[in-house]
Amino acid sequence: MSMFKTTLRIKTDTPEGRKALGYLRNRDKTMYRSYSDVIIAAVNGYFDRERQLADDPYLETREKEDAFLQRILETVERGAQANLLNGLAALLQSMQPTPDTKAIENDLDTAIDFIDSL
């Protein structure tokens, strides 16, 4: 097994140092069994991201735009669902039984007959 060994010194008298040490001490031990696992993941993640941004300087902007568009889509979907429900409610109300037109015509004929008889 090949191994590289170094010493990590963290100054705990600075806010950044205390924050870093807090992350190391409070790590998810099922995911990161040792400080080395955390540091390897952090270093690789940092430099992979740097390389991606160097290769594609608009990557971060597109990611922000994608997140913004996703929020817009979710808002539009919620609005469309609300409008659909309101439209269905209005449709159901308009489908309420209306007075029978034959009965109204009969009542009108009866009224006219009554008036004519006077």
N, C-alpha and C. Protein backbone atom coordinates (compact mmCIF):
# COMPACT_ATOMS: atom_id res chain seq x y z
N MET A 1 0.85 -1.17 0.00
CA MET A 1 0.00 0.00 0.00
C MET A 1 0.90 1.24 0.00
N SER A 2 0.65 2.10 -0.96
CA SER A 2 1.40 3.35 -1.07
C SER A 2 0.67 4.42 -0.27
N MET A 3 1.43 5.27 0.42
CA MET A 3 0.80 6.26 1.28
C MET A 3 1.61 7.55 1.28
N PHE A 4 0.89 8.65 1.34
CA PHE A 4 1.48 9.97 1.49
C PHE A 4 1.07 10.47 2.86
N LYS A 5 2.02 10.98 3.62
CA LYS A 5 1.73 11.43 4.97
C LYS A 5 2.15 12.88 5.10
N THR A 6 1.29 13.67 5.74
CA THR A 6 1.59 15.07 5.99
C THR A 6 0.92 15.47 7.30
N THR A 7 1.24 16.63 7.78
CA THR A 7 0.64 17.14 9.00
C THR A 7 -0.31 18.27 8.64
N LEU A 8 -1.43 18.26 9.24
CA LEU A 8 -2.43 19.31 9.03
C LEU A 8 -2.50 20.15 10.29
N ARG A 9 -2.23 21.43 10.14
CA ARG A 9 -2.34 22.34 11.28
C ARG A 9 -3.47 23.31 11.01
N ILE A 10 -4.36 23.42 11.96
CA ILE A 10 -5.49 24.34 11.85
C ILE A 10 -5.40 25.33 13.01
N LYS A 11 -5.34 26.61 12.67
CA LYS A 11 -5.29 27.64 13.71
C LYS A 11 -6.71 27.88 14.22
N THR A 12 -6.92 27.56 15.46
CA THR A 12 -8.27 27.69 16.03
C THR A 12 -8.54 29.08 16.58
N ASP A 13 -7.59 29.99 16.41
CA ASP A 13 -7.84 31.36 16.87
C ASP A 13 -8.45 32.21 15.76
N THR A 14 -8.72 31.62 14.60
CA THR A 14 -9.40 32.34 13.51
C THR A 14 -10.78 31.71 13.29
N PRO A 15 -11.74 32.51 12.87
CA PRO A 15 -13.08 31.96 12.62
C PRO A 15 -13.07 30.86 11.56
N GLU A 16 -12.26 31.02 10.52
CA GLU A 16 -12.18 30.01 9.46
C GLU A 16 -11.62 28.70 10.00
N GLY A 17 -10.59 28.80 10.85
CA GLY A 17 -9.98 27.61 11.44
C GLY A 17 -10.97 26.87 12.34
N ARG A 18 -11.68 27.63 13.19
CA ARG A 18 -12.67 27.00 14.07
C ARG A 18 -13.79 26.35 13.26
N LYS A 19 -14.19 27.00 12.19
CA LYS A 19 -15.25 26.45 11.34
C LYS A 19 -14.78 25.14 10.69
N ALA A 20 -13.57 25.13 10.15
CA ALA A 20 -13.03 23.93 9.51
C ALA A 20 -12.89 22.79 10.52
N LEU A 21 -12.41 23.09 11.69
CA LEU A 21 -12.27 22.07 12.72
C LEU A 21 -13.64 21.53 13.14
N GLY A 22 -14.61 22.41 13.22
CA GLY A 22 -15.98 21.98 13.54
C GLY A 22 -16.51 21.01 12.50
N TYR A 23 -16.27 21.31 11.22
CA TYR A 23 -16.70 20.39 10.16
C TYR A 23 -16.02 19.03 10.31
N LEU A 24 -14.72 19.06 10.58
CA LEU A 24 -13.99 17.80 10.72
C LEU A 24 -14.50 16.97 11.91
N ARG A 25 -14.70 17.64 13.02
CA ARG A 25 -15.12 16.91 14.22
C ARG A 25 -16.57 16.42 14.14
N ASN A 26 -17.41 17.16 13.45
CA ASN A 26 -18.84 16.82 13.39
C ASN A 26 -19.23 16.14 12.08
N ARG A 27 -18.26 15.55 11.41
CA ARG A 27 -18.52 14.90 10.13
C ARG A 27 -19.44 13.69 10.33
N ASP A 28 -20.07 13.27 9.26
CA ASP A 28 -20.88 12.04 9.27
C ASP A 28 -19.90 10.87 9.24
N LYS A 29 -19.74 10.22 10.36
CA LYS A 29 -18.71 9.17 10.47
C LYS A 29 -19.05 7.92 9.68
N THR A 30 -20.31 7.79 9.25
CA THR A 30 -20.62 6.65 8.38
C THR A 30 -20.17 6.93 6.96
N MET A 31 -20.11 8.21 6.58
CA MET A 31 -19.67 8.58 5.24
C MET A 31 -18.16 8.84 5.20
N TYR A 32 -17.66 9.51 6.23
CA TYR A 32 -16.24 9.85 6.31
C TYR A 32 -15.68 9.24 7.60
N ARG A 33 -14.98 8.13 7.46
CA ARG A 33 -14.48 7.43 8.65
C ARG A 33 -13.32 8.16 9.32
N SER A 34 -12.63 9.00 8.57
CA SER A 34 -11.46 9.66 9.14
C SER A 34 -11.36 11.08 8.59
N TYR A 35 -10.48 11.86 9.22
CA TYR A 35 -10.21 13.20 8.71
C TYR A 35 -9.68 13.11 7.28
N SER A 36 -8.88 12.09 7.01
CA SER A 36 -8.30 11.93 5.68
C SER A 36 -9.40 11.78 4.62
N ASP A 37 -10.45 11.02 4.94
CA ASP A 37 -11.56 10.86 3.98
C ASP A 37 -12.21 12.19 3.67
N VAL A 38 -12.40 13.02 4.70
CA VAL A 38 -13.02 14.34 4.50
C VAL A 38 -12.11 15.22 3.65
N ILE A 39 -10.84 15.25 3.98
CA ILE A 39 -9.90 16.11 3.27
C ILE A 39 -9.76 15.68 1.81
N ILE A 40 -9.70 14.38 1.56
CA ILE A 40 -9.61 13.88 0.18
C ILE A 40 -10.84 14.30 -0.63
N ALA A 41 -12.03 14.13 -0.03
CA ALA A 41 -13.26 14.52 -0.73
C ALA A 41 -13.29 16.02 -1.00
N ALA A 42 -12.87 16.80 -0.01
CA ALA A 42 -12.89 18.26 -0.16
C ALA A 42 -11.90 18.74 -1.23
N VAL A 43 -10.69 18.20 -1.19
CA VAL A 43 -9.67 18.60 -2.16
C VAL A 43 -10.10 18.21 -3.58
N ASN A 44 -10.55 16.95 -3.73
CA ASN A 44 -10.99 16.50 -5.06
C ASN A 44 -12.19 17.31 -5.55
N GLY A 45 -13.16 17.56 -4.69
CA GLY A 45 -14.33 18.35 -5.09
C GLY A 45 -13.95 19.76 -5.49
N TYR A 46 -13.06 20.37 -4.73
CA TYR A 46 -12.64 21.74 -5.02
C TYR A 46 -11.94 21.82 -6.37
N PHE A 47 -10.96 20.96 -6.59
CA PHE A 47 -10.21 21.05 -7.84
C PHE A 47 -10.99 20.55 -9.05
N ASP A 48 -11.89 19.58 -8.86
CA ASP A 48 -12.77 19.17 -9.96
C ASP A 48 -13.65 20.34 -10.39
N ARG A 49 -14.18 21.06 -9.41
CA ARG A 49 -15.03 22.22 -9.71
C ARG A 49 -14.22 23.32 -10.39
N GLU A 50 -13.02 23.56 -9.91
CA GLU A 50 -12.15 24.57 -10.54
C GLU A 50 -11.88 24.21 -12.00
N ARG A 51 -11.62 22.93 -12.27
CA ARG A 51 -11.35 22.49 -13.63
C ARG A 51 -12.59 22.66 -14.51
N GLN A 52 -13.76 22.31 -13.97
CA GLN A 52 -15.00 22.48 -14.73
C GLN A 52 -15.23 23.94 -15.09
N LEU A 53 -15.00 24.82 -14.13
CA LEU A 53 -15.20 26.26 -14.38
C LEU A 53 -14.16 26.80 -15.36
N ALA A 54 -12.94 26.28 -15.31
CA ALA A 54 -11.91 26.72 -16.26
C ALA A 54 -12.27 26.27 -17.67
N ASP A 55 -12.80 25.04 -17.79
CA ASP A 55 -13.19 24.52 -19.11
C ASP A 55 -14.46 25.19 -19.63
N ASP A 56 -15.33 25.58 -18.72
CA ASP A 56 -16.62 26.17 -19.11
C ASP A 56 -16.93 27.31 -18.15
N PRO A 57 -16.48 28.54 -18.46
CA PRO A 57 -16.65 29.64 -17.52
C PRO A 57 -18.11 30.02 -17.27
N TYR A 58 -19.04 29.57 -18.12
CA TYR A 58 -20.45 29.91 -17.95
C TYR A 58 -21.23 28.83 -17.21
N LEU A 59 -20.53 27.79 -16.73
CA LEU A 59 -21.18 26.69 -16.04
C LEU A 59 -21.97 27.18 -14.83
N GLU A 60 -21.35 27.96 -13.99
CA GLU A 60 -22.02 28.44 -12.77
C GLU A 60 -23.23 29.28 -13.12
N THR A 61 -23.12 30.14 -14.14
CA THR A 61 -24.24 30.98 -14.56
C THR A 61 -25.39 30.12 -15.05
N ARG A 62 -25.08 29.10 -15.85
CA ARG A 62 -26.14 28.21 -16.36
C ARG A 62 -26.82 27.45 -15.23
N GLU A 63 -26.02 27.03 -14.25
CA GLU A 63 -26.61 26.32 -13.11
C GLU A 63 -27.57 27.23 -12.35
N LYS A 64 -27.18 28.48 -12.17
CA LYS A 64 -28.07 29.44 -11.49
C LYS A 64 -29.32 29.69 -12.34
N GLU A 65 -29.14 29.82 -13.65
CA GLU A 65 -30.29 30.02 -14.54
C GLU A 65 -31.22 28.81 -14.50
N ASP A 66 -30.65 27.62 -14.50
CA ASP A 66 -31.47 26.40 -14.44
C ASP A 66 -32.28 26.35 -13.15
N ALA A 67 -31.65 26.71 -12.04
CA ALA A 67 -32.37 26.71 -10.76
C ALA A 67 -33.48 27.76 -10.77
N PHE A 68 -33.20 28.94 -11.35
CA PHE A 68 -34.19 30.00 -11.46
C PHE A 68 -35.36 29.56 -12.33
N LEU A 69 -35.06 28.94 -13.48
CA LEU A 69 -36.12 28.45 -14.36
C LEU A 69 -36.95 27.37 -13.68
N GLN A 70 -36.32 26.53 -12.90
CA GLN A 70 -37.06 25.48 -12.18
C GLN A 70 -38.04 26.11 -11.20
N ARG A 71 -37.61 27.17 -10.51
CA ARG A 71 -38.52 27.85 -9.57
C ARG A 71 -39.67 28.49 -10.32
N ILE A 72 -39.41 29.06 -11.51
CA ILE A 72 -40.48 29.66 -12.32
C ILE A 72 -41.47 28.58 -12.74
N LEU A 73 -40.96 27.45 -13.23
CA LEU A 73 -41.84 26.35 -13.65
C LEU A 73 -42.72 25.87 -12.50
N GLU A 74 -42.15 25.72 -11.33
CA GLU A 74 -42.93 25.27 -10.18
C GLU A 74 -44.02 26.27 -9.82
N THR A 75 -43.70 27.57 -9.91
CA THR A 75 -44.68 28.61 -9.61
C THR A 75 -45.80 28.60 -10.65
N VAL A 76 -45.44 28.48 -11.92
CA VAL A 76 -46.45 28.43 -12.99
C VAL A 76 -47.34 27.20 -12.83
N GLU A 77 -46.75 26.07 -12.49
CA GLU A 77 -47.53 24.84 -12.30
C GLU A 77 -48.53 25.01 -11.16
N ARG A 78 -48.09 25.63 -10.06
CA ARG A 78 -49.01 25.85 -8.94
C ARG A 78 -50.13 26.78 -9.36
N GLY A 79 -49.80 27.84 -10.11
CA GLY A 79 -50.83 28.76 -10.59
C GLY A 79 -51.80 28.09 -11.55
N ALA A 80 -51.28 27.26 -12.44
CA ALA A 80 -52.14 26.56 -13.39
C ALA A 80 -53.07 25.59 -12.66
N GLN A 81 -52.56 24.91 -11.66
CA GLN A 81 -53.41 24.00 -10.89
C GLN A 81 -54.52 24.76 -10.18
N ALA A 82 -54.17 25.92 -9.61
CA ALA A 82 -55.18 26.73 -8.92
C ALA A 82 -56.24 27.21 -9.91
N ASN A 83 -55.80 27.67 -11.09
CA ASN A 83 -56.75 28.13 -12.10
C ASN A 83 -57.63 27.00 -12.59
N LEU A 84 -57.06 25.83 -12.74
CA LEU A 84 -57.83 24.67 -13.19
C LEU A 84 -58.90 24.33 -12.17
N LEU A 85 -58.53 24.35 -10.89
CA LEU A 85 -59.51 24.06 -9.85
C LEU A 85 -60.61 25.11 -9.82
N ASN A 86 -60.24 26.38 -9.98
CA ASN A 86 -61.25 27.44 -10.01
C ASN A 86 -62.17 27.28 -11.22
N GLY A 87 -61.58 26.93 -12.36
CA GLY A 87 -62.37 26.72 -13.57
C GLY A 87 -63.32 25.56 -13.42
N LEU A 88 -62.86 24.48 -12.81
CA LEU A 88 -63.74 23.32 -12.59
C LEU A 88 -64.87 23.68 -11.64
N ALA A 89 -64.58 24.44 -10.62
CA ALA A 89 -65.62 24.86 -9.68
C ALA A 89 -66.67 25.71 -10.39
N ALA A 90 -66.21 26.64 -11.24
CA ALA A 90 -67.15 27.49 -11.99
C ALA A 90 -67.99 26.64 -12.95
N LEU A 91 -67.37 25.66 -13.59
CA LEU A 91 -68.09 24.79 -14.50
C LEU A 91 -69.15 23.99 -13.77
N LEU A 92 -68.80 23.47 -12.61
CA LEU A 92 -69.77 22.71 -11.82
C LEU A 92 -70.94 23.59 -11.38
N GLN A 93 -70.65 24.82 -11.02
CA GLN A 93 -71.72 25.73 -10.62
C GLN A 93 -72.62 26.06 -11.80
N SER A 94 -72.04 26.20 -12.99
CA SER A 94 -72.85 26.53 -14.16
C SER A 94 -73.71 25.34 -14.60
N MET A 95 -73.36 24.15 -14.14
CA MET A 95 -74.11 22.96 -14.51
C MET A 95 -75.27 22.68 -13.55
N GLN A 96 -75.53 23.60 -12.62
CA GLN A 96 -76.65 23.43 -11.70
C GLN A 96 -77.95 23.41 -12.50
N PRO A 97 -78.91 22.61 -12.08
CA PRO A 97 -80.16 22.53 -12.84
C PRO A 97 -80.82 23.89 -12.95
N THR A 98 -81.30 24.22 -14.13
CA THR A 98 -81.98 25.48 -14.38
C THR A 98 -83.48 25.21 -14.43
N PRO A 99 -84.30 26.21 -14.20
CA PRO A 99 -85.75 26.00 -14.26
C PRO A 99 -86.15 25.46 -15.63
N ASP A 100 -87.15 24.60 -15.65
CA ASP A 100 -87.62 23.99 -16.88
C ASP A 100 -88.28 25.06 -17.75
N THR A 101 -87.77 25.21 -18.98
CA THR A 101 -88.31 26.26 -19.88
C THR A 101 -89.75 25.98 -20.29
N LYS A 102 -90.15 24.69 -20.39
CA LYS A 102 -91.54 24.34 -20.73
C LYS A 102 -92.48 24.85 -19.65
N ALA A 103 -92.07 24.64 -18.39
CA ALA A 103 -92.91 25.08 -17.28
C ALA A 103 -93.06 26.59 -17.29
N ILE A 104 -91.99 27.31 -17.63
CA ILE A 104 -92.05 28.77 -17.69
C ILE A 104 -92.98 29.20 -18.82
N GLU A 105 -92.91 28.54 -19.98
CA GLU A 105 -93.79 28.88 -21.10
C GLU A 105 -95.25 28.62 -20.73
N ASN A 106 -95.52 27.50 -20.04
CA ASN A 106 -96.89 27.19 -19.62
C ASN A 106 -97.41 28.24 -18.66
N ASP A 107 -96.54 28.65 -17.71
CA ASP A 107 -96.94 29.68 -16.75
C ASP A 107 -97.22 30.99 -17.47
N LEU A 108 -96.41 31.32 -18.48
CA LEU A 108 -96.59 32.54 -19.25
C LEU A 108 -97.90 32.48 -20.04
N ASP A 109 -98.17 31.34 -20.68
CA ASP A 109 -99.43 31.17 -21.42
C ASP A 109 -100.64 31.31 -20.49
N THR A 110 -100.54 30.73 -19.32
CA THR A 110 -101.63 30.82 -18.34
C THR A 110 -101.84 32.27 -17.93
N ALA A 111 -100.75 33.00 -17.70
CA ALA A 111 -100.87 34.41 -17.31
C ALA A 111 -101.50 35.23 -18.42
N ILE A 112 -101.09 34.97 -19.67
CA ILE A 112 -101.65 35.72 -20.81
C ILE A 112 -103.14 35.38 -20.97
N ASP A 113 -103.51 34.12 -20.81
CA ASP A 113 -104.92 33.72 -20.88
C ASP A 113 -105.73 34.43 -19.81
N PHE A 114 -105.17 34.53 -18.61
CA PHE A 114 -105.85 35.20 -17.52
C PHE A 114 -106.06 36.67 -17.85
N ILE A 115 -105.01 37.33 -18.39
CA ILE A 115 -105.11 38.74 -18.74
C ILE A 115 -106.15 38.92 -19.85
N ASP A 116 -106.15 38.02 -20.84
CA ASP A 116 -107.10 38.11 -21.95
C ASP A 116 -108.55 37.95 -21.44
N SER A 117 -108.73 37.19 -20.39
CA SER A 117 -110.09 36.95 -19.89
C SER A 117 -110.65 38.14 -19.16
N LEU A 118 -109.85 39.11 -18.87
CA LEU A 118 -110.34 40.28 -18.16
C LEU A 118 -111.02 41.21 -19.06
